[in-house]
C-alpha atoms as a PDB file:
ATOM      1  CA  MET A   1       0.000   0.000   0.000  1.00  0.00           C
ATOM      2  CA  ALA A   2       1.358   3.435  -0.931  1.00  0.00           C
ATOM      3  CA  THR A   3       2.039   5.855   1.881  1.00  0.00           C
ATOM      4  CA  LYS A   4       0.044   9.048   1.881  1.00  0.00           C
ATOM      5  CA  VAL A   5       2.053  12.094   0.837  1.00  0.00           C
ATOM      6  CA  LYS A   6       1.840  15.054   3.223  1.00  0.00           C
ATOM      7  CA  PRO A   7       0.344  18.104   1.493  1.00  0.00           C
ATOM      8  CA  ILE A   8       2.776  20.331   3.421  1.00  0.00           C
ATOM      9  CA  PRO A   9       6.232  18.706   3.699  1.00  0.00           C
ATOM     10  CA  ASP A  10       7.893  18.296   7.088  1.00  0.00           C
ATOM     11  CA  GLY A  11       9.622  21.463   8.233  1.00  0.00           C
ATOM     12  CA  PHE A  12       7.523  23.806   6.091  1.00  0.00           C
ATOM     13  CA  HIS A  13       4.784  26.152   7.254  1.00  0.00           C
ATOM     14  CA  THR A  14       1.889  27.565   5.261  1.00  0.00           C
ATOM     15  CA  LEU A  15       3.990  30.458   3.915  1.00  0.00           C
ATOM     16  CA  THR A  16       7.561  30.097   2.669  1.00  0.00           C
ATOM     17  CA  PRO A  17       9.480  33.038   1.184  1.00  0.00           C
ATOM     18  CA  HIS A  18      11.042  32.263  -2.209  1.00  0.00           C
ATOM     19  CA  LEU A  19      13.648  34.772  -3.350  1.00  0.00           C
ATOM     20  CA  THR A  20      15.213  35.419  -6.737  1.00  0.00           C
ATOM     21  CA  VAL A  21      18.644  36.990  -6.290  1.00  0.00           C
ATOM     22  CA  LYS A  22      21.762  37.783  -8.247  1.00  0.00           C
ATOM     23  CA  ASN A  23      24.414  35.194  -7.311  1.00  0.00           C
ATOM     24  CA  ALA A  24      22.432  32.705  -5.249  1.00  0.00           C
ATOM     25  CA  ASP A  25      25.562  30.774  -4.210  1.00  0.00           C
ATOM     26  CA  ARG A  26      26.884  33.946  -2.568  1.00  0.00           C
ATOM     27  CA  ALA A  27      23.460  34.512  -0.977  1.00  0.00           C
ATOM     28  CA  LEU A  28      23.531  30.998   0.482  1.00  0.00           C
ATOM     29  CA  ASP A  29      26.950  31.700   1.994  1.00  0.00           C
ATOM     30  CA  PHE A  30      25.724  35.019   3.417  1.00  0.00           C
ATOM     31  CA  TYR A  31      22.610  33.440   4.975  1.00  0.00           C
ATOM     32  CA  LYS A  32      24.781  30.756   6.609  1.00  0.00           C
ATOM     33  CA  LYS A  33      27.166  33.350   8.094  1.00  0.00           C
ATOM     34  CA  ALA A  34      24.553  35.949   9.013  1.00  0.00           C
ATOM     35  CA  PHE A  35      21.587  33.874  10.171  1.00  0.00           C
ATOM     36  CA  GLY A  36      22.997  30.387  10.804  1.00  0.00           C
ATOM     37  CA  ALA A  37      21.122  28.962   7.804  1.00  0.00           C
ATOM     38  CA  GLU A  38      21.414  25.252   7.128  1.00  0.00           C
ATOM     39  CA  VAL A  39      21.524  24.556   3.392  1.00  0.00           C
ATOM     40  CA  LEU A  40      19.249  21.564   2.780  1.00  0.00           C
ATOM     41  CA  ASN A  41      19.600  21.282  -0.990  1.00  0.00           C
ATOM     42  CA  VAL A  42      20.974  23.153  -3.972  1.00  0.00           C
ATOM     43  CA  SER A  43      20.374  22.333  -7.639  1.00  0.00           C
ATOM     44  CA  HIS A  44      22.649  23.969 -10.217  1.00  0.00           C
ATOM     45  CA  ILE A  45      22.115  24.069 -13.963  1.00  0.00           C
ATOM     46  CA  PRO A  46      25.104  23.383 -16.275  1.00  0.00           C
ATOM     47  CA  ASP A  47      26.100  27.091 -16.490  1.00  0.00           C
ATOM     48  CA  GLY A  48      26.491  27.141 -12.675  1.00  0.00           C
ATOM     49  CA  ARG A  49      23.408  29.122 -11.716  1.00  0.00           C
ATOM     50  CA  VAL A  50      21.247  27.932  -8.844  1.00  0.00           C
ATOM     51  CA  MET A  51      17.970  26.609 -10.210  1.00  0.00           C
ATOM     52  CA  HIS A  52      16.605  25.957  -6.712  1.00  0.00           C
ATOM     53  CA  ALA A  53      17.880  25.941  -3.139  1.00  0.00           C
ATOM     54  CA  THR A  54      16.198  25.351   0.189  1.00  0.00           C
ATOM     55  CA  VAL A  55      17.629  26.494   3.510  1.00  0.00           C
ATOM     56  CA  ARG A  56      16.392  26.289   7.071  1.00  0.00           C
ATOM     57  CA  ILE A  57      16.791  29.289   9.359  1.00  0.00           C
ATOM     58  CA  GLY A  58      15.665  28.349  12.841  1.00  0.00           C
ATOM     59  CA  ASP A  59      12.395  26.462  12.372  1.00  0.00           C
ATOM     60  CA  SER A  60      11.524  28.039   9.017  1.00  0.00           C
ATOM     61  CA  MET A  61      12.344  27.399   5.399  1.00  0.00           C
ATOM     62  CA  LEU A  62      13.534  29.808   2.743  1.00  0.00           C
ATOM     63  CA  MET A  63      13.785  28.959  -0.948  1.00  0.00           C
ATOM     64  CA  LEU A  64      15.873  30.857  -3.457  1.00  0.00           C
ATOM     65  CA  ASN A  65      17.286  30.763  -6.939  1.00  0.00           C
ATOM     66  CA  ASP A  66      19.415  32.794  -9.313  1.00  0.00           C
ATOM     67  CA  GLU A  67      17.698  35.098 -11.721  1.00  0.00           C
ATOM     68  CA  PHE A  68      16.720  33.648 -15.092  1.00  0.00           C
ATOM     69  CA  PRO A  69      15.872  36.648 -17.294  1.00  0.00           C
ATOM     70  CA  GLU A  70      15.593  34.386 -20.336  1.00  0.00           C
ATOM     71  CA  MET A  71      12.634  32.738 -18.586  1.00  0.00           C
ATOM     72  CA  GLY A  72      11.128  35.922 -17.158  1.00  0.00           C
ATOM     73  CA  GLY A  73      12.680  35.495 -13.714  1.00  0.00           C
ATOM     74  CA  SER A  74      14.811  38.433 -12.690  1.00  0.00           C
ATOM     75  CA  HIS A  75      15.684  40.137  -9.456  1.00  0.00           C
ATOM     76  CA  ALA A  76      13.352  42.969  -8.521  1.00  0.00           C
ATOM     77  CA  THR A  77      15.090  46.306  -9.014  1.00  0.00           C
ATOM     78  CA  ASP A  78      13.358  47.738  -5.958  1.00  0.00           C
ATOM     79  CA  SER A  79      12.596  45.238  -3.246  1.00  0.00           C
ATOM     80  CA  SER A  80      11.918  47.879  -0.585  1.00  0.00           C
ATOM     81  CA  ASN A  81       8.349  46.644  -0.363  1.00  0.00           C
ATOM     82  CA  ILE A  82       9.550  43.216   0.776  1.00  0.00           C
ATOM     83  CA  THR A  83      10.687  42.513   4.319  1.00  0.00           C
ATOM     84  CA  ILE A  84      11.343  39.102   5.809  1.00  0.00           C
ATOM     85  CA  HIS A  85      10.889  39.030   9.580  1.00  0.00           C
ATOM     86  CA  ALA A  86      12.862  36.538  11.665  1.00  0.00           C
ATOM     87  CA  TYR A  87      12.855  35.941  15.404  1.00  0.00           C
ATOM     88  CA  PHE A  88      16.046  34.728  17.077  1.00  0.00           C
ATOM     89  CA  GLU A  89      17.005  33.812  20.645  1.00  0.00           C
ATOM     90  CA  ASN A  90      19.751  36.484  20.634  1.00  0.00           C
ATOM     91  CA  VAL A  91      19.038  39.204  18.082  1.00  0.00           C
ATOM     92  CA  ASP A  92      22.078  41.248  19.161  1.00  0.00           C
ATOM     93  CA  ASP A  93      24.396  38.417  18.135  1.00  0.00           C
ATOM     94  CA  ILE A  94      22.561  37.816  14.836  1.00  0.00           C
ATOM     95  CA  PHE A  95      22.484  41.539  14.013  1.00  0.00           C
ATOM     96  CA  LYS A  96      26.269  41.753  14.483  1.00  0.00           C
ATOM     97  CA  LYS A  97      26.800  38.626  12.377  1.00  0.00           C
ATOM     98  CA  ALA A  98      24.603  40.006   9.593  1.00  0.00           C
ATOM     99  CA  LEU A  99      26.555  43.276   9.501  1.00  0.00           C
ATOM    100  CA  ALA A 100      29.882  41.422   9.601  1.00  0.00           C
ATOM    101  CA  ALA A 101      28.730  39.197   6.732  1.00  0.00           C
ATOM    102  CA  GLY A 102      27.965  42.218   4.537  1.00  0.00           C
ATOM    103  CA  ALA A 103      24.474  43.477   5.421  1.00  0.00           C
ATOM    104  CA  THR A 104      23.846  47.188   5.832  1.00  0.00           C
ATOM    105  CA  GLN A 105      21.923  48.601   8.762  1.00  0.00           C
ATOM    106  CA  LYS A 106      18.502  49.934   7.772  1.00  0.00           C
ATOM    107  CA  MET A 107      17.129  50.513  11.292  1.00  0.00           C
ATOM    108  CA  PRO A 108      19.305  50.268  14.404  1.00  0.00           C
ATOM    109  CA  LEU A 109      18.608  47.548  16.927  1.00  0.00           C
ATOM    110  CA  ALA A 110      16.563  48.868  19.873  1.00  0.00           C
ATOM    111  CA  ASP A 111      13.948  47.820  22.411  1.00  0.00           C
ATOM    112  CA  GLN A 112      10.569  48.601  20.847  1.00  0.00           C
ATOM    113  CA  PHE A 113       7.225  49.535  22.392  1.00  0.00           C
ATOM    114  CA  TRP A 114       5.548  46.362  21.097  1.00  0.00           C
ATOM    115  CA  GLY A 115       7.832  44.202  23.241  1.00  0.00           C
ATOM    116  CA  ASP A 116      10.582  43.176  20.811  1.00  0.00           C
ATOM    117  CA  ARG A 117      14.226  44.035  20.589  1.00  0.00           C
ATOM    118  CA  TYR A 118      14.160  44.840  16.886  1.00  0.00           C
ATOM    119  CA  GLY A 119      16.170  46.251  14.001  1.00  0.00           C
ATOM    120  CA  GLN A 120      16.447  45.979  10.225  1.00  0.00           C
ATOM    121  CA  VAL A 121      19.237  45.183   7.801  1.00  0.00           C
ATOM    122  CA  THR A 122      19.407  44.932   4.033  1.00  0.00           C
ATOM    123  CA  ASP A 123      21.361  41.955   2.789  1.00  0.00           C
ATOM    124  CA  PRO A 124      23.892  42.254  -0.066  1.00  0.00           C
ATOM    125  CA  PHE A 125      21.166  41.036  -2.457  1.00  0.00           C
ATOM    126  CA  GLY A 126      18.713  43.859  -1.741  1.00  0.00           C
ATOM    127  CA  ILE A 127      16.385  41.957   0.609  1.00  0.00           C
ATOM    128  CA  ARG A 128      15.305  43.736   3.803  1.00  0.00           C
ATOM    129  CA  TRP A 129      15.275  41.624   6.973  1.00  0.00           C
ATOM    130  CA  SER A 130      13.641  42.681  10.220  1.00  0.00           C
ATOM    131  CA  LEU A 131      15.307  40.862  13.095  1.00  0.00           C
ATOM    132  CA  GLY A 132      13.909  40.513  16.573  1.00  0.00           C
ATOM    133  CA  THR A 133      13.863  38.866  19.965  1.00  0.00           C
ATOM    134  CA  HIS A 134      10.643  39.117  21.970  1.00  0.00           C
ATOM    135  CA  ILE A 135      11.696  40.587  25.330  1.00  0.00           C
ATOM    136  CA  ARG A 136       8.411  41.465  27.041  1.00  0.00           C
ATOM    137  CA  ASP A 137       4.691  40.949  26.668  1.00  0.00           C
ATOM    138  CA  VAL A 138       2.628  44.082  26.085  1.00  0.00           C
ATOM    139  CA  THR A 139      -1.088  44.217  26.903  1.00  0.00           C
ATOM    140  CA  PRO A 140      -3.555  45.544  24.319  1.00  0.00           C
ATOM    141  CA  ASP A 141      -4.226  48.544  26.602  1.00  0.00           C
ATOM    142  CA  GLU A 142      -0.501  49.360  26.825  1.00  0.00           C
ATOM    143  CA  MET A 143      -0.194  49.088  23.056  1.00  0.00           C
ATOM    144  CA  LYS A 144      -3.215  51.344  22.494  1.00  0.00           C
ATOM    145  CA  LYS A 145      -1.811  54.014  24.836  1.00  0.00           C
ATOM    146  CA  VAL A 146       1.572  54.037  23.086  1.00  0.00           C
ATOM    147  CA  MET A 147      -0.067  54.209  19.653  1.00  0.00           C
ATOM    148  CA  GLU A 148      -2.270  57.127  20.756  1.00  0.00           C
ATOM    149  CA  ASP A 149       0.770  58.958  22.141  1.00  0.00           C
ATOM    150  CA  MET A 150       2.700  58.309  18.926  1.00  0.00           C
ATOM    151  CA  SER A 151      -0.143  59.563  16.734  1.00  0.00           C
ATOM    152  CA  LYS A 152      -0.133  62.861  18.647  1.00  0.00           C
ATOM    153  CA  GLN A 153       3.552  63.265  17.728  1.00  0.00           C
ATOM    154  CA  MET A 154       3.033  62.602  14.017  1.00  0.00           C
ATOM    155  CA  PRO A 155       2.351  65.405  11.538  1.00  0.00           C
ATOM    156  CA  GLN A 156      -1.310  65.500  10.606  1.00  0.00           C
ATOM    157  CA  LYS A 157      -2.299  64.555   7.073  1.00  0.00           C
ATOM    158  CA  LYS A 158      -3.734  67.493   5.196  1.00  0.00           C
ATOM    159  CA  THR A 159      -7.175  67.023   3.711  1.00  0.00           C
ATOM    160  CA  ALA A 160      -8.295  68.676   0.488  1.00  0.00           C
END
């Protein structure tokens, strides 16, 4: 009797980011150094480009490949609308490793009002990563108060 295939493979969650980057082999090396990624598989085509790779960072999967403009798959020229969020046990250590591996700081690491120690980096491939460690629980009332105080500080949108 055939075994039933799982509709979601072991180790995967409902959502899995899949990135197209320039120089995927270099990206794999960066993700190992910066985020402790474990490379699970890499498939190269004869010209050396990565057709598909899967890595595990913590308990989550990330898939990536090189760009293939001849097949309509190229790296986005502006990926500022994409951010991958990752929680780590020690975000300070990971943040330092990411910078040492070649990331640039987008937002400095700091304790945030929502209860995370949080910052952002952009990796050498143009992908923004928000990195955090949850350091305290915040009640909905506390969150509402902070948001109200913040909105008072923000410039008001002009209406026509």
